[in-house]
N, C-alpha and C. Protein backbone atom coordinates (compact mmCIF):
# COMPACT_ATOMS: atom_id res chain seq x y z
N MET A 1 4.25 8.08 -3.74
CA MET A 1 3.44 7.73 -4.88
C MET A 1 3.65 8.80 -5.95
N SER A 2 3.91 8.36 -7.15
CA SER A 2 4.17 9.31 -8.22
C SER A 2 2.86 9.95 -8.69
N LEU A 3 2.99 11.10 -9.32
CA LEU A 3 1.81 11.84 -9.78
C LEU A 3 0.99 11.05 -10.81
N PRO A 4 1.59 10.42 -11.82
CA PRO A 4 0.76 9.66 -12.76
C PRO A 4 -0.01 8.51 -12.09
N HIS A 5 0.60 7.86 -11.11
CA HIS A 5 -0.09 6.79 -10.40
C HIS A 5 -1.26 7.35 -9.60
N PHE A 6 -1.06 8.46 -8.94
CA PHE A 6 -2.11 9.12 -8.18
C PHE A 6 -3.27 9.54 -9.08
N LEU A 7 -2.95 10.13 -10.22
CA LEU A 7 -3.99 10.56 -11.15
C LEU A 7 -4.74 9.37 -11.74
N ALA A 8 -4.04 8.27 -11.98
CA ALA A 8 -4.70 7.06 -12.47
C ALA A 8 -5.67 6.51 -11.44
N LEU A 9 -5.30 6.56 -10.16
CA LEU A 9 -6.20 6.11 -9.10
C LEU A 9 -7.45 6.97 -9.02
N ILE A 10 -7.29 8.26 -9.18
CA ILE A 10 -8.45 9.16 -9.18
C ILE A 10 -9.35 8.84 -10.38
N LEU A 11 -8.75 8.63 -11.55
CA LEU A 11 -9.52 8.32 -12.75
C LEU A 11 -10.30 7.01 -12.58
N VAL A 12 -9.66 5.99 -12.06
CA VAL A 12 -10.33 4.70 -11.85
C VAL A 12 -11.48 4.85 -10.86
N THR A 13 -11.29 5.64 -9.82
CA THR A 13 -12.34 5.85 -8.82
C THR A 13 -13.54 6.55 -9.44
N ILE A 14 -13.29 7.58 -10.25
CA ILE A 14 -14.38 8.31 -10.89
C ILE A 14 -15.11 7.41 -11.89
N LEU A 15 -14.38 6.61 -12.65
CA LEU A 15 -15.01 5.70 -13.61
C LEU A 15 -15.84 4.63 -12.89
N ALA A 16 -15.34 4.11 -11.77
CA ALA A 16 -16.10 3.12 -11.01
C ALA A 16 -17.38 3.71 -10.45
N ALA A 17 -17.32 4.95 -9.98
CA ALA A 17 -18.52 5.61 -9.46
C ALA A 17 -19.53 5.84 -10.59
N GLY A 18 -19.06 6.28 -11.73
CA GLY A 18 -19.95 6.47 -12.87
C GLY A 18 -20.59 5.18 -13.33
N LEU A 19 -19.82 4.11 -13.36
CA LEU A 19 -20.35 2.80 -13.75
C LEU A 19 -21.40 2.33 -12.75
N THR A 20 -21.16 2.56 -11.48
CA THR A 20 -22.12 2.17 -10.45
C THR A 20 -23.44 2.93 -10.61
N VAL A 21 -23.36 4.22 -10.83
CA VAL A 21 -24.57 5.03 -11.00
C VAL A 21 -25.31 4.60 -12.27
N TRP A 22 -24.57 4.36 -13.35
CA TRP A 22 -25.20 3.93 -14.60
C TRP A 22 -25.90 2.58 -14.45
N LEU A 23 -25.23 1.63 -13.80
CA LEU A 23 -25.83 0.31 -13.59
C LEU A 23 -27.07 0.39 -12.70
N ALA A 24 -27.00 1.18 -11.64
CA ALA A 24 -28.15 1.33 -10.75
C ALA A 24 -29.33 1.96 -11.50
N HIS A 25 -29.04 2.92 -12.35
CA HIS A 25 -30.09 3.58 -13.12
C HIS A 25 -30.70 2.62 -14.15
N SER A 26 -29.86 1.82 -14.79
CA SER A 26 -30.37 0.91 -15.82
C SER A 26 -31.20 -0.22 -15.21
N VAL A 27 -30.91 -0.59 -13.98
CA VAL A 27 -31.68 -1.63 -13.30
C VAL A 27 -32.95 -1.05 -12.69
N GLY A 28 -32.95 0.24 -12.43
CA GLY A 28 -34.13 0.90 -11.86
C GLY A 28 -34.02 1.20 -10.39
N LEU A 29 -32.83 1.09 -9.82
CA LEU A 29 -32.64 1.42 -8.41
C LEU A 29 -32.50 2.93 -8.24
N SER A 30 -33.02 3.43 -7.14
CA SER A 30 -32.83 4.85 -6.86
C SER A 30 -31.47 5.06 -6.22
N LEU A 31 -30.99 6.28 -6.31
CA LEU A 31 -29.69 6.59 -5.72
C LEU A 31 -29.74 6.51 -4.19
N ALA A 32 -30.92 6.70 -3.61
CA ALA A 32 -31.05 6.57 -2.16
C ALA A 32 -30.78 5.14 -1.72
N ILE A 33 -31.25 4.17 -2.49
CA ILE A 33 -31.01 2.77 -2.15
C ILE A 33 -29.53 2.44 -2.31
N VAL A 34 -28.93 2.92 -3.39
CA VAL A 34 -27.50 2.66 -3.62
C VAL A 34 -26.67 3.32 -2.51
N GLY A 35 -27.01 4.54 -2.15
CA GLY A 35 -26.30 5.23 -1.07
C GLY A 35 -26.46 4.55 0.27
N SER A 36 -27.67 4.07 0.54
CA SER A 36 -27.89 3.35 1.80
C SER A 36 -27.09 2.06 1.84
N ALA A 37 -27.05 1.34 0.72
CA ALA A 37 -26.27 0.10 0.66
C ALA A 37 -24.79 0.38 0.86
N ALA A 38 -24.30 1.47 0.26
CA ALA A 38 -22.90 1.83 0.42
C ALA A 38 -22.59 2.21 1.88
N LEU A 39 -23.49 2.92 2.51
CA LEU A 39 -23.30 3.31 3.90
C LEU A 39 -23.31 2.11 4.83
N ILE A 40 -24.25 1.19 4.60
CA ILE A 40 -24.31 -0.02 5.41
C ILE A 40 -23.05 -0.87 5.19
N GLY A 41 -22.62 -0.98 3.94
CA GLY A 41 -21.40 -1.74 3.64
C GLY A 41 -20.18 -1.14 4.29
N ALA A 42 -20.09 0.19 4.29
CA ALA A 42 -18.95 0.85 4.94
C ALA A 42 -18.98 0.64 6.44
N GLY A 43 -20.17 0.66 7.02
CA GLY A 43 -20.29 0.42 8.46
C GLY A 43 -19.89 -1.00 8.83
N ILE A 44 -20.31 -1.96 8.02
CA ILE A 44 -19.94 -3.36 8.28
C ILE A 44 -18.43 -3.54 8.13
N ALA A 45 -17.85 -2.94 7.10
CA ALA A 45 -16.40 -3.05 6.90
C ALA A 45 -15.65 -2.41 8.06
N ARG A 46 -16.17 -1.31 8.57
CA ARG A 46 -15.55 -0.64 9.71
C ARG A 46 -15.59 -1.51 10.96
N LEU A 47 -16.74 -2.15 11.19
CA LEU A 47 -16.85 -3.01 12.36
C LEU A 47 -15.97 -4.26 12.24
N MET A 48 -15.83 -4.79 11.04
CA MET A 48 -15.00 -5.99 10.84
C MET A 48 -13.51 -5.66 11.00
N ALA A 49 -13.11 -4.44 10.65
CA ALA A 49 -11.70 -4.07 10.71
C ALA A 49 -11.33 -3.45 12.06
N ARG A 50 -12.28 -3.31 12.94
CA ARG A 50 -12.04 -2.66 14.22
C ARG A 50 -11.10 -3.48 15.09
N VAL A 51 -10.06 -2.82 15.58
CA VAL A 51 -9.11 -3.47 16.46
C VAL A 51 -9.01 -2.62 17.73
N GLU A 52 -9.25 -3.25 18.84
CA GLU A 52 -9.19 -2.48 20.10
C GLU A 52 -8.08 -2.97 20.97
């Protein structure tokens, strides 16, 4: 992966995180709720992708 592509991926990730925090704040959700939802979503994705 080239350096500009890698840096673009980092930039997109940071912008997506900022947009998520801004939207949660504008709707009135606390960061604890957003974090819990992200953790639950990651756990579900992990269980769905599990291959034994």
